[in-house]
Structure formats: C-alpha cells, structure tokens
N, C-alpha and C. Protein backbone atom coordinates (compact mmCIF):
# COMPACT_ATOMS: atom_id res chain seq x y z
N UNK A 1 -167.39 91.34 -56.62
CA UNK A 1 -167.37 90.23 -55.85
C UNK A 1 -167.62 90.44 -54.26
N UNK A 2 -168.62 89.59 -53.66
CA UNK A 2 -168.88 89.95 -52.18
C UNK A 2 -167.76 89.10 -51.63
N UNK A 3 -167.71 88.03 -51.91
CA UNK A 3 -166.81 86.88 -51.09
C UNK A 3 -165.13 87.51 -50.84
N UNK A 4 -164.65 87.91 -49.83
CA UNK A 4 -163.53 88.47 -49.73
C UNK A 4 -162.66 87.14 -49.62
N UNK A 5 -161.27 87.41 -49.65
CA UNK A 5 -160.26 86.23 -49.83
C UNK A 5 -159.64 86.18 -51.14
N UNK A 6 -158.67 85.27 -50.73
CA UNK A 6 -157.77 84.94 -52.24
C UNK A 6 -157.69 83.03 -52.23
N UNK A 7 -157.29 82.72 -53.44
CA UNK A 7 -157.24 81.30 -53.62
C UNK A 7 -156.44 80.59 -52.36
N UNK A 8 -155.27 81.32 -51.97
CA UNK A 8 -154.32 80.87 -50.89
C UNK A 8 -155.01 81.15 -49.49
N UNK A 9 -155.88 82.09 -49.41
CA UNK A 9 -156.49 82.18 -48.13
C UNK A 9 -158.00 82.60 -48.26
N UNK A 10 -158.67 81.67 -48.50
CA UNK A 10 -160.10 81.77 -48.81
C UNK A 10 -160.81 82.30 -47.62
N UNK A 11 -161.77 83.07 -47.57
CA UNK A 11 -162.70 83.38 -46.46
C UNK A 11 -163.53 82.13 -45.89
N UNK A 12 -163.84 81.35 -46.92
CA UNK A 12 -164.56 80.31 -46.69
C UNK A 12 -164.56 79.07 -47.75
N UNK A 13 -164.47 77.87 -47.12
CA UNK A 13 -164.24 77.00 -48.27
C UNK A 13 -165.67 76.46 -48.75
N UNK A 14 -166.98 76.75 -48.14
CA UNK A 14 -168.17 76.40 -48.50
C UNK A 14 -168.63 77.16 -49.76
N UNK A 15 -168.47 76.40 -51.05
CA UNK A 15 -169.18 76.90 -52.25
C UNK A 15 -170.30 77.74 -52.13
N UNK A 16 -171.29 77.48 -51.39
CA UNK A 16 -172.54 77.91 -51.25
C UNK A 16 -172.35 79.17 -50.61
N UNK A 17 -171.55 79.39 -49.85
CA UNK A 17 -171.24 80.74 -49.06
C UNK A 17 -170.57 81.84 -49.98
N UNK A 18 -170.00 81.42 -51.02
CA UNK A 18 -169.22 82.16 -52.02
C UNK A 18 -170.16 83.12 -52.60
N UNK A 19 -169.77 84.16 -53.29
CA UNK A 19 -170.55 84.88 -54.21
C UNK A 19 -170.92 84.02 -55.59
N UNK A 20 -172.12 84.26 -55.86
CA UNK A 20 -172.85 83.67 -57.01
C UNK A 20 -172.29 84.24 -58.22
N UNK A 21 -171.85 83.25 -59.34
CA UNK A 21 -171.36 83.50 -60.39
C UNK A 21 -172.59 84.31 -61.33
N UNK A 22 -171.89 85.42 -61.83
CA UNK A 22 -172.93 86.36 -62.50
C UNK A 22 -172.88 85.86 -64.02
N UNK A 23 -174.07 85.92 -64.62
CA UNK A 23 -174.06 85.33 -66.23
C UNK A 23 -173.16 86.32 -66.79
N UNK A 24 -172.61 85.64 -68.05
CA UNK A 24 -171.93 86.39 -69.16
C UNK A 24 -172.68 87.32 -69.88
N UNK A 25 -172.39 88.64 -70.18
CA UNK A 25 -173.10 89.53 -70.65
C UNK A 25 -172.65 89.24 -72.38
N UNK A 26 -171.69 88.51 -72.48
CA UNK A 26 -171.27 88.38 -74.12
C UNK A 26 -171.94 87.38 -74.62
N UNK A 27 -172.53 86.45 -73.82
CA UNK A 27 -173.08 84.98 -74.17
C UNK A 27 -174.64 85.54 -74.18
N UNK A 28 -175.37 85.08 -75.42
CA UNK A 28 -176.73 85.35 -75.41
C UNK A 28 -177.31 84.03 -74.38
N UNK A 29 -178.72 84.62 -73.87
CA UNK A 29 -179.14 83.90 -72.75
C UNK A 29 -179.57 82.47 -73.27
N UNK A 30 -179.57 81.63 -72.79
CA UNK A 30 -179.78 80.11 -73.14
C UNK A 30 -179.02 79.78 -74.54
N UNK A 31 -177.74 80.07 -74.40
CA UNK A 31 -176.96 79.34 -75.64
C UNK A 31 -176.24 78.30 -74.89
N UNK A 32 -176.25 78.07 -73.80
CA UNK A 32 -175.47 77.02 -73.46
C UNK A 32 -176.39 75.74 -73.55
N UNK A 33 -175.70 74.36 -73.48
CA UNK A 33 -176.19 73.10 -73.68
C UNK A 33 -177.08 72.73 -72.49
N UNK A 34 -178.16 72.28 -72.33
CA UNK A 34 -179.01 72.10 -71.01
C UNK A 34 -178.20 70.92 -70.31
N UNK A 35 -177.32 70.39 -71.11
CA UNK A 35 -176.68 69.26 -70.04
C UNK A 35 -175.56 69.71 -69.21
N UNK A 36 -174.97 70.92 -69.55
CA UNK A 36 -173.82 71.52 -69.27
C UNK A 36 -174.33 72.51 -68.00
N UNK A 37 -175.57 72.69 -68.10
CA UNK A 37 -175.97 73.93 -67.05
C UNK A 37 -176.32 73.19 -65.75
N UNK A 38 -175.53 72.35 -65.18
CA UNK A 38 -175.71 71.88 -63.79
C UNK A 38 -175.26 72.37 -62.77
N UNK A 39 -175.49 72.36 -61.57
CA UNK A 39 -175.09 73.16 -60.58
C UNK A 39 -173.47 72.69 -60.22
N UNK A 40 -173.28 71.47 -60.26
CA UNK A 40 -171.83 71.08 -60.44
C UNK A 40 -170.85 72.16 -61.31
N UNK A 41 -171.47 71.88 -62.61
CA UNK A 41 -170.51 72.72 -63.69
C UNK A 41 -170.58 74.20 -63.33
N UNK A 42 -171.56 74.88 -62.96
CA UNK A 42 -171.65 76.17 -62.64
C UNK A 42 -170.44 76.45 -61.67
N UNK A 43 -170.76 75.77 -60.31
CA UNK A 43 -169.64 75.77 -59.25
C UNK A 43 -168.00 75.64 -59.46
N UNK A 44 -167.79 74.60 -60.59
CA UNK A 44 -166.45 74.64 -61.20
C UNK A 44 -166.20 75.69 -62.06
N UNK A 45 -166.83 76.35 -62.93
CA UNK A 45 -166.70 77.16 -63.86
C UNK A 45 -166.63 78.52 -62.85
N UNK A 46 -167.14 78.62 -61.83
CA UNK A 46 -167.01 80.03 -60.77
C UNK A 46 -165.78 79.83 -60.32
N UNK A 47 -165.51 78.67 -59.68
CA UNK A 47 -164.16 78.47 -59.03
C UNK A 47 -162.94 78.60 -60.15
N UNK A 48 -163.16 78.30 -61.29
CA UNK A 48 -162.03 78.63 -62.22
C UNK A 48 -161.88 79.96 -62.63
N UNK A 49 -162.98 80.49 -62.62
CA UNK A 49 -163.22 82.10 -63.08
C UNK A 49 -162.31 82.86 -61.91
N UNK A 50 -162.73 82.81 -60.70
CA UNK A 50 -162.08 83.29 -59.56
C UNK A 50 -160.69 82.96 -59.60
N UNK A 51 -160.19 81.49 -59.96
CA UNK A 51 -158.84 81.42 -59.72
C UNK A 51 -158.03 82.08 -60.84
N UNK A 52 -158.73 82.21 -61.96
CA UNK A 52 -158.17 82.91 -63.13
C UNK A 52 -157.88 84.44 -62.90
N UNK A 53 -158.97 84.82 -62.20
CA UNK A 53 -158.94 86.42 -61.86
C UNK A 53 -157.76 86.64 -60.82
N UNK A 54 -157.46 85.63 -60.18
CA UNK A 54 -156.43 85.87 -58.75
C UNK A 54 -155.22 85.29 -59.18
N UNK A 55 -154.73 84.88 -60.55
CA UNK A 55 -153.64 84.39 -60.84
C UNK A 55 -152.54 85.48 -60.84
N UNK A 56 -152.95 86.77 -61.39
CA UNK A 56 -151.91 87.74 -61.29
C UNK A 56 -151.56 88.09 -59.86
N UNK A 57 -152.59 88.16 -58.93
CA UNK A 57 -152.26 88.43 -57.67
C UNK A 57 -151.13 87.28 -57.04
N UNK A 58 -151.45 86.08 -57.23
CA UNK A 58 -150.57 84.98 -56.72
C UNK A 58 -149.19 85.37 -57.32
N UNK A 59 -149.09 85.49 -58.76
CA UNK A 59 -147.72 85.94 -59.45
C UNK A 59 -147.07 86.97 -59.07
N UNK A 60 -147.92 88.08 -58.49
CA UNK A 60 -147.20 89.08 -57.99
C UNK A 60 -146.64 88.70 -56.32
N UNK A 61 -147.59 88.06 -55.73
CA UNK A 61 -147.11 87.66 -54.18
C UNK A 61 -145.68 86.79 -54.40
N UNK A 62 -145.78 85.77 -55.47
CA UNK A 62 -144.34 85.05 -55.98
C UNK A 62 -143.26 86.05 -56.13
N UNK A 63 -143.71 86.94 -56.95
CA UNK A 63 -142.35 87.76 -57.35
C UNK A 63 -142.03 88.69 -56.21
N UNK A 64 -142.87 89.06 -55.36
CA UNK A 64 -142.42 89.99 -54.10
C UNK A 64 -141.61 89.20 -53.23
N UNK A 65 -142.08 87.67 -53.09
CA UNK A 65 -141.43 86.74 -52.43
C UNK A 65 -139.84 86.77 -52.83
N UNK A 66 -139.75 86.48 -54.03
CA UNK A 66 -138.52 86.26 -54.47
C UNK A 66 -137.58 87.69 -54.36
N UNK A 67 -138.23 88.66 -54.70
CA UNK A 67 -137.48 90.08 -54.48
C UNK A 67 -136.93 90.17 -53.24
N UNK A 68 -137.71 89.73 -52.24
CA UNK A 68 -137.54 90.18 -50.76
C UNK A 68 -136.31 89.11 -50.38
N UNK A 69 -136.33 87.91 -51.25
CA UNK A 69 -135.33 86.96 -50.72
C UNK A 69 -133.84 87.45 -51.51
N UNK A 70 -134.17 87.83 -52.64
CA UNK A 70 -132.84 88.42 -53.09
C UNK A 70 -132.39 89.79 -52.20
N UNK A 71 -133.06 90.63 -51.89
CA UNK A 71 -132.58 91.70 -51.15
C UNK A 71 -131.99 91.19 -49.80
N UNK A 72 -132.84 90.27 -49.15
CA UNK A 72 -132.14 89.68 -48.09
C UNK A 72 -130.70 89.22 -48.29
N UNK A 73 -130.45 88.35 -49.43
CA UNK A 73 -129.10 87.88 -49.83
C UNK A 73 -128.18 88.90 -49.94
N UNK A 74 -128.59 90.01 -50.66
CA UNK A 74 -127.81 90.96 -50.99
C UNK A 74 -127.06 91.79 -49.76
N UNK A 75 -128.09 92.12 -48.70
CA UNK A 75 -127.78 92.47 -47.33
C UNK A 75 -126.95 91.64 -46.78
N UNK A 76 -126.96 90.51 -46.73
CA UNK A 76 -126.30 89.58 -45.99
C UNK A 76 -124.67 89.69 -46.66
N UNK A 77 -124.66 89.70 -48.03
CA UNK A 77 -123.37 89.91 -48.76
C UNK A 77 -122.73 91.01 -48.51
N UNK A 78 -123.28 92.18 -48.47
CA UNK A 78 -122.98 93.69 -47.98
C UNK A 78 -122.41 93.47 -46.54
N UNK A 79 -123.05 92.89 -45.44
CA UNK A 79 -122.62 92.73 -44.08
C UNK A 79 -121.30 92.09 -44.15
N UNK A 80 -121.44 90.93 -44.83
CA UNK A 80 -120.08 89.93 -44.77
C UNK A 80 -118.91 90.54 -45.31
N UNK A 81 -119.11 91.45 -46.49
CA UNK A 81 -117.75 91.83 -46.89
C UNK A 81 -117.36 93.16 -46.13
N UNK A 82 -118.30 94.02 -45.33
CA UNK A 82 -118.09 95.00 -44.26
C UNK A 82 -117.39 94.53 -43.34
N UNK A 83 -117.63 93.11 -42.66
CA UNK A 83 -117.22 92.66 -41.53
C UNK A 83 -115.61 92.20 -42.13
N UNK A 84 -115.43 91.51 -43.04
CA UNK A 84 -114.23 91.08 -43.44
C UNK A 84 -113.29 92.30 -43.49
N UNK A 85 -113.69 93.45 -44.06
CA UNK A 85 -113.07 94.58 -44.52
C UNK A 85 -112.46 95.31 -42.86
N UNK A 86 -113.35 95.23 -42.04
CA UNK A 86 -113.14 95.67 -40.80
C UNK A 86 -112.06 94.65 -40.04
N UNK A 87 -112.17 93.39 -40.46
CA UNK A 87 -111.40 92.31 -39.73
C UNK A 87 -109.95 92.71 -40.18
N UNK A 88 -109.89 92.86 -41.54
CA UNK A 88 -108.58 93.33 -42.16
C UNK A 88 -107.71 94.43 -41.39
N UNK A 89 -108.69 95.48 -41.47
CA UNK A 89 -108.07 96.70 -41.00
C UNK A 89 -107.69 96.54 -39.50
N UNK A 90 -108.58 95.86 -38.53
CA UNK A 90 -108.06 95.71 -37.04
C UNK A 90 -106.85 94.66 -37.22
N UNK A 91 -106.61 93.83 -38.18
CA UNK A 91 -105.32 93.00 -37.96
C UNK A 91 -104.20 93.89 -38.52
N UNK A 92 -104.34 94.64 -39.44
CA UNK A 92 -103.29 95.63 -39.82
C UNK A 92 -102.82 96.60 -38.53
N UNK A 93 -103.94 97.22 -37.82
CA UNK A 93 -103.91 97.92 -36.71
C UNK A 93 -103.03 97.09 -35.52
N UNK A 94 -103.26 95.90 -35.61
CA UNK A 94 -102.56 94.88 -34.53
C UNK A 94 -101.16 94.86 -34.75
N UNK A 95 -100.73 94.64 -36.09
CA UNK A 95 -99.49 94.38 -36.62
C UNK A 95 -98.79 95.49 -36.24
N UNK A 96 -99.26 96.78 -36.58
CA UNK A 96 -98.80 98.04 -36.28
C UNK A 96 -98.22 98.33 -34.89
N UNK A 97 -99.23 97.90 -33.92
CA UNK A 97 -98.93 97.99 -32.52
C UNK A 97 -97.88 97.03 -32.05
N UNK A 98 -97.94 95.95 -32.59
CA UNK A 98 -96.87 95.04 -32.21
C UNK A 98 -95.37 95.49 -32.67
N UNK A 99 -95.33 96.04 -34.01
CA UNK A 99 -94.15 96.49 -34.47
C UNK A 99 -93.78 97.55 -33.62
N UNK A 100 -94.55 98.51 -33.30
CA UNK A 100 -94.47 99.83 -32.56
C UNK A 100 -93.89 99.38 -31.09
N UNK A 101 -94.43 98.15 -30.52
CA UNK A 101 -94.12 97.75 -28.98
C UNK A 101 -92.68 97.13 -29.40
N UNK A 102 -92.40 96.38 -30.32
CA UNK A 102 -91.29 95.86 -30.54
C UNK A 102 -90.09 96.84 -30.58
N UNK A 103 -90.31 97.91 -31.31
CA UNK A 103 -89.19 98.69 -31.84
C UNK A 103 -89.25 99.57 -30.36
N UNK A 104 -90.02 99.95 -29.57
CA UNK A 104 -90.01 100.37 -28.18
C UNK A 104 -89.18 99.61 -27.27
N UNK A 105 -89.21 98.36 -27.37
CA UNK A 105 -88.67 97.31 -26.26
C UNK A 105 -87.06 97.01 -26.85
N UNK A 106 -86.82 97.42 -28.24
CA UNK A 106 -85.52 97.01 -28.67
C UNK A 106 -84.72 98.31 -28.38
N UNK A 107 -84.91 99.47 -28.11
CA UNK A 107 -84.39 100.64 -27.88
C UNK A 107 -84.00 100.81 -26.46
C-alpha cells in the first residue's frame, strides 16, 4: 500500500490521493455485475478493505491504552500503600519519642 497512515490518523482525506484498489486475484476478471462496478462502489469497497485491514491495529492500540491505564492505576495503588505504611511508621516513632520524653521529664 503506497498511502501511509491509519484509519485514526489518515495521511490524506482525499480518496483520489489514496492508493488505488488492486483487483482481487481470487475472482475471475469481469465476474462483477456491470451496475456495481462504478467509481463510488470501488471507493467504498477500497475504504472498507483498508478499514478491515486496520482493525487489528486499532484493537491493539485500544488494548495497549487499557494496559497502560491499568499499570498506572497499579502504580498509584502501590504508592498510596507505601505512603500509608511510612505514615504509620512515623506515627509510631513519634509516639516512642513522646514516651521517652515523658519518662525523662518524670524522673
């Protein structure tokens, strides 16, 4: 395919500047009904074919987006758990320091 780009980010929106549709090798030449071999039908078939070829790419992009979102959520959860653990540790150290100060003042 000469035209670069994807369905989401096409290089051009002009159908005349896109790569022409190649004839299918599995169909014999001249097997289509003449009414359906109009320019509009070929353009729509070409766009559908390109769309069908790019569906796995779009699915992979959506899957990667979801995976990145999950990874970010997991990182946030780990950071929150670490922050809470450190806060509890600091509170325990503070209580020990208060007790030690109170014991020193009482003596």
